[in-house]
Protein backbone atom coordinates (compact mmCIF):
# COMPACT_ATOMS: atom_id res chain seq x y z
CA UNK A 1 -0.03 -0.32 0.06
CA UNK A 2 1.26 3.41 -0.85
CA UNK A 3 0.45 6.52 1.29
CA UNK A 4 0.57 10.25 0.58
CA UNK A 5 -0.16 12.77 2.76
CA UNK A 6 -1.02 16.40 1.99
CA UNK A 7 -0.34 18.43 4.89
CA UNK A 8 1.12 21.45 6.33
CA UNK A 9 3.45 22.34 9.31
CA UNK A 10 0.38 24.43 10.67
CA UNK A 11 -2.35 22.06 10.49
CA UNK A 12 -3.66 20.40 13.97
CA UNK A 13 -5.76 18.03 12.02
CA UNK A 14 -2.37 17.03 9.90
CA UNK A 15 -0.31 16.25 13.05
CA UNK A 16 -3.50 14.34 14.16
CA UNK A 17 -3.48 11.98 11.12
CA UNK A 18 0.35 11.65 10.75
CA UNK A 19 0.36 10.49 14.38
CA UNK A 20 -1.81 7.89 13.59
CA UNK A 21 0.20 6.60 10.43
CA UNK A 22 3.22 6.40 12.79
CA UNK A 23 1.91 4.73 15.92
CA UNK A 24 0.43 1.86 13.75
CA UNK A 25 3.56 1.89 11.81
CA UNK A 26 2.85 2.97 8.39
CA UNK A 27 4.73 4.20 6.25
CA UNK A 28 3.94 7.05 4.32
CA UNK A 29 5.20 9.92 2.19
CA UNK A 30 4.87 13.42 3.27
CA UNK A 31 4.24 16.44 0.80
CA UNK A 32 4.33 19.90 2.44
CA UNK A 33 1.59 22.17 0.36
CA UNK A 34 3.72 25.14 1.49
CA UNK A 35 7.01 24.02 0.18
CA UNK A 36 6.39 22.06 -3.07
CA UNK A 37 5.43 23.91 -5.94
CA UNK A 38 2.24 22.98 -7.01
CA UNK A 39 1.06 20.56 -3.98
CA UNK A 40 -1.56 22.78 -3.14
CA UNK A 41 -2.96 23.00 -6.12
CA UNK A 42 -2.85 19.40 -6.65
CA UNK A 43 -5.24 19.55 -3.77
CA UNK A 44 -7.84 22.03 -4.67
CA UNK A 45 -8.05 19.98 -8.59
CA UNK A 46 -8.43 16.31 -6.95
CA UNK A 47 -10.35 17.56 -4.44
CA UNK A 48 -12.92 20.40 -5.10
CA UNK A 49 -11.85 21.97 -1.95
CA UNK A 50 -8.71 23.38 0.29
CA UNK A 51 -9.07 20.97 2.90
CA UNK A 52 -5.91 19.14 4.15
CA UNK A 53 -5.23 16.49 5.47
CA UNK A 54 -5.53 14.77 2.04
CA UNK A 55 -4.26 11.39 1.86
CA UNK A 56 -3.66 9.45 -1.60
CA UNK A 57 -4.08 5.45 -1.16
CA UNK A 58 -2.89 3.80 -3.93
CA UNK A 59 -3.65 6.51 -6.13
CA UNK A 60 -7.55 7.14 -4.45
CA UNK A 61 -8.28 10.72 -2.80
CA UNK A 62 -9.16 9.92 1.00
CA UNK A 63 -10.38 12.59 3.61
CA UNK A 64 -9.29 11.56 6.83
CA UNK A 65 -10.97 13.60 9.18
CA UNK A 66 -14.40 15.50 9.18
CA UNK A 67 -13.69 19.38 9.51
CA UNK A 68 -14.62 21.02 13.09
CA UNK A 69 -15.26 17.14 14.52
CA UNK A 70 -11.87 15.56 13.44
CA UNK A 71 -9.87 12.43 12.63
CA UNK A 72 -11.72 9.45 11.44
CA UNK A 73 -9.94 7.08 13.57
CA UNK A 74 -12.67 4.05 13.23
CA UNK A 75 -13.10 4.90 8.74
CA UNK A 76 -9.21 5.31 8.68
CA UNK A 77 -8.49 2.04 10.74
CA UNK A 78 -10.78 0.28 8.76
CA UNK A 79 -9.74 1.31 5.27
CA UNK A 80 -5.98 1.10 6.55
CA UNK A 81 -6.39 -2.61 8.33
CA UNK A 82 -5.55 -1.74 11.63
CA UNK A 83 -7.22 -2.32 15.07
CA UNK A 84 -7.65 0.22 17.57
CA UNK A 85 -7.79 -0.13 21.15
């Protein structure tokens, strides 16, 4: 499984998403939309919105959180095949 995470250092939801992946030892490539030319535009092109974090899992774009509600632990656990206590 190949995972890319579009994120930014100032984004709390992004930090939480990466903590989740790190906790479950899931490898990913991070793309910082602030420093990678064209990355922010790619997020908008693919999702139709300015929303990070965004996961790209084997080519499929997935928003791993709900605005104002936070990271989708159960959904992402199921999608990525991990168990949560």
